[in-house]
Every structure is written in C-alpha cells, then in structure tokens.
Protein backbone atom coordinates (compact mmCIF):
# COMPACT_ATOMS: atom_id res chain seq x y z
CA UNK A 1 -2.71 -3.56 -14.72
CA UNK A 2 -4.01 -6.93 -13.77
CA UNK A 3 -4.09 -7.89 -10.12
CA UNK A 4 -4.30 -10.67 -7.80
CA UNK A 5 -5.97 -10.71 -4.41
CA UNK A 6 -4.55 -12.47 -1.44
CA UNK A 7 -6.52 -12.30 1.86
CA UNK A 8 -4.80 -12.86 5.21
CA UNK A 9 -7.02 -12.75 8.62
CA UNK A 10 -9.94 -11.83 6.93
CA UNK A 11 -8.90 -8.53 5.32
CA UNK A 12 -11.12 -9.13 2.30
CA UNK A 13 -14.04 -8.98 4.72
CA UNK A 14 -12.75 -5.91 6.30
CA UNK A 15 -12.07 -4.28 3.10
CA UNK A 16 -15.56 -5.05 2.06
CA UNK A 17 -16.75 -3.14 4.82
CA UNK A 18 -15.14 -0.12 3.45
CA UNK A 19 -16.25 -0.65 0.08
CA UNK A 20 -15.95 2.90 -1.36
CA UNK A 21 -12.14 2.86 -0.26
CA UNK A 22 -11.70 -0.84 -1.68
CA UNK A 23 -13.08 0.26 -5.05
CA UNK A 24 -10.93 3.38 -5.01
CA UNK A 25 -7.62 1.01 -4.47
CA UNK A 26 -8.92 -1.18 -7.39
CA UNK A 27 -9.51 1.70 -9.73
CA UNK A 28 -6.13 3.01 -9.04
CA UNK A 29 -4.48 -0.25 -9.75
CA UNK A 30 -6.72 -0.85 -12.86
CA UNK A 31 -6.08 2.52 -14.28
CA UNK A 32 -2.29 2.02 -14.52
CA UNK A 33 -0.81 0.83 -17.72
CA UNK A 34 2.77 -0.51 -16.50
CA UNK A 35 4.36 -0.83 -19.87
CA UNK A 36 7.71 0.93 -20.11
CA UNK A 37 7.87 2.21 -16.42
CA UNK A 38 10.80 1.81 -14.28
CA UNK A 39 10.29 0.99 -10.53
CA UNK A 40 10.58 4.31 -9.43
CA UNK A 41 8.32 5.59 -12.42
CA UNK A 42 5.68 2.79 -11.11
CA UNK A 43 6.18 4.24 -7.61
CA UNK A 44 5.46 7.91 -8.79
CA UNK A 45 2.34 6.96 -10.71
CA UNK A 46 0.79 5.21 -7.81
CA UNK A 47 1.85 8.25 -5.47
CA UNK A 48 0.24 10.55 -7.98
CA UNK A 49 -3.15 8.56 -8.21
CA UNK A 50 -3.43 7.90 -4.49
CA UNK A 51 -2.83 11.57 -3.70
CA UNK A 52 -5.47 12.63 -6.32
CA UNK A 53 -8.00 10.42 -4.27
CA UNK A 54 -7.20 12.29 -0.99
CA UNK A 55 -5.19 9.51 0.80
CA UNK A 56 -2.52 10.75 3.19
CA UNK A 57 0.81 10.53 1.72
CA UNK A 58 3.58 8.95 4.10
CA UNK A 59 1.86 9.64 7.49
CA UNK A 60 4.27 9.04 10.48
CA UNK A 61 3.24 5.75 12.49
CA UNK A 62 4.33 7.68 15.94
CA UNK A 63 3.26 10.92 17.44
CA UNK A 64 6.88 11.98 17.38
CA UNK A 65 8.47 11.60 13.71
CA UNK A 66 11.79 10.96 15.14
CA UNK A 67 12.08 7.76 12.99
CA UNK A 68 12.19 8.94 9.35
CA UNK A 69 11.54 5.34 7.98
CA UNK A 70 8.64 4.76 10.55
CA UNK A 71 5.70 5.63 8.10
CA UNK A 72 3.70 3.86 5.38
CA UNK A 73 2.89 4.97 1.85
CA UNK A 74 -0.83 5.77 2.14
CA UNK A 75 -3.46 6.07 4.73
CA UNK A 76 -7.39 6.84 4.49
CA UNK A 77 -10.17 5.44 6.25
CA UNK A 78 -8.20 3.35 8.41
CA UNK A 79 -6.56 1.42 5.50
CA UNK A 80 -3.03 1.49 5.17
CA UNK A 81 -1.24 0.92 1.82
CA UNK A 82 2.32 0.05 1.04
CA UNK A 83 3.47 0.01 -2.60
CA UNK A 84 6.51 -2.06 -2.98
CA UNK A 85 8.42 -2.53 -6.06
CA UNK A 86 12.01 -2.72 -4.49
CA UNK A 87 13.78 -5.38 -3.25
CA UNK A 88 11.75 -8.33 -1.64
CA UNK A 89 13.99 -8.26 1.51
CA UNK A 90 11.70 -5.33 2.42
CA UNK A 91 8.61 -7.13 2.95
CA UNK A 92 9.23 -7.98 6.50
CA UNK A 93 9.69 -4.30 7.57
CA UNK A 94 6.63 -3.49 5.63
CA UNK A 95 4.49 -6.04 7.06
CA UNK A 96 5.67 -5.11 10.67
CA UNK A 97 4.64 -1.57 9.94
CA UNK A 98 0.90 -2.74 9.39
CA UNK A 99 1.24 -4.81 12.69
CA UNK A 100 2.34 -1.72 14.45
CA UNK A 101 -0.36 0.39 13.10
CA UNK A 102 -3.12 -2.12 14.03
CA UNK A 103 -1.97 -3.49 17.40
CA UNK A 104 -1.25 -2.08 20.86
CA UNK A 105 -2.19 1.63 21.56
CA UNK A 106 -1.55 3.03 18.11
CA UNK A 107 -4.64 1.46 16.56
CA UNK A 108 -4.62 3.73 13.38
CA UNK A 109 -5.62 0.92 10.85
CA UNK A 110 -8.16 -1.80 10.51
CA UNK A 111 -6.30 -3.38 7.33
CA UNK A 112 -3.27 -3.18 5.30
CA UNK A 113 -2.88 -3.44 1.55
CA UNK A 114 0.38 -4.43 0.22
CA UNK A 115 0.67 -3.73 -3.70
CA UNK A 116 3.65 -5.33 -5.13
CA UNK A 117 4.45 -7.09 -8.44
CA UNK A 118 4.63 -10.70 -9.19
CA UNK A 119 7.76 -12.53 -9.86
CA UNK A 120 7.08 -12.65 -13.57
CA UNK A 121 6.29 -8.92 -14.04
CA UNK A 122 9.34 -8.22 -11.84
CA UNK A 123 11.49 -9.38 -14.57
CA UNK A 124 9.91 -7.03 -17.11
CA UNK A 125 10.42 -3.80 -15.13
CA UNK A 126 13.50 -1.70 -15.93
C-alpha cells in the first residue's frame, strides 16, 4: 500500500524521536495489499498486524470505561493510532480523541497517527 504523510504541529519530528515505532507503522502500512478488500476487511487486516506488533488494541481513554466509544484503535510508546475507512464525518470525533489523550491531565500520547484512504482509493473499496 502506498501512503502519503501529512504532518501537523511537528508530528513528524515527534515520530522521528520514536523511530522504531514509526518504522513499525510504516511497515504495517507497506505490508498490506489492499486489492479486493472491503472496508471492514481492511480494518481487520490492520488490527491483526498492529496486535502482532504488540500494540494495545482499543485502550480506553479514561480510567473508568463508562463511555464505550471513548477509546482509540491502537496505542504504543505514547503513540495513538486511528484507522478510519468509514464515513468521513467521524474525523472530528477521531481527532478529538487525540486531543483528549494529549492534553489536560490525561497526557497519554505524544502524537497521533490517523490512517485513512484517499478520495480516489475510497471509490475502489467495496
């Protein structure tokens, strides 16, 4: 899978300071051959590959897991990852999760990585 990188607020520099985890994310993305997958199928492949690399799967954002939607997809080495192939209206909620994890008293991540498809590729998904 080919990918493009967009850095916001020095995210690239923060990821470079965690080079092993950055390389792991890049390896996971590059290892996926997306042809023929549906959106749920791609999500399952990403989940399998991140879990194989010992990323925490869907850790809760808050100490009390009362809000079932208050979690991110993967967490490791203070890097949060969201994999989003669904409707683009969820991007605001996903980015808010990164802000919540990095600010205030939570301070659980230093950087967030948002993996999504391009508009062109989205048309190819089943």
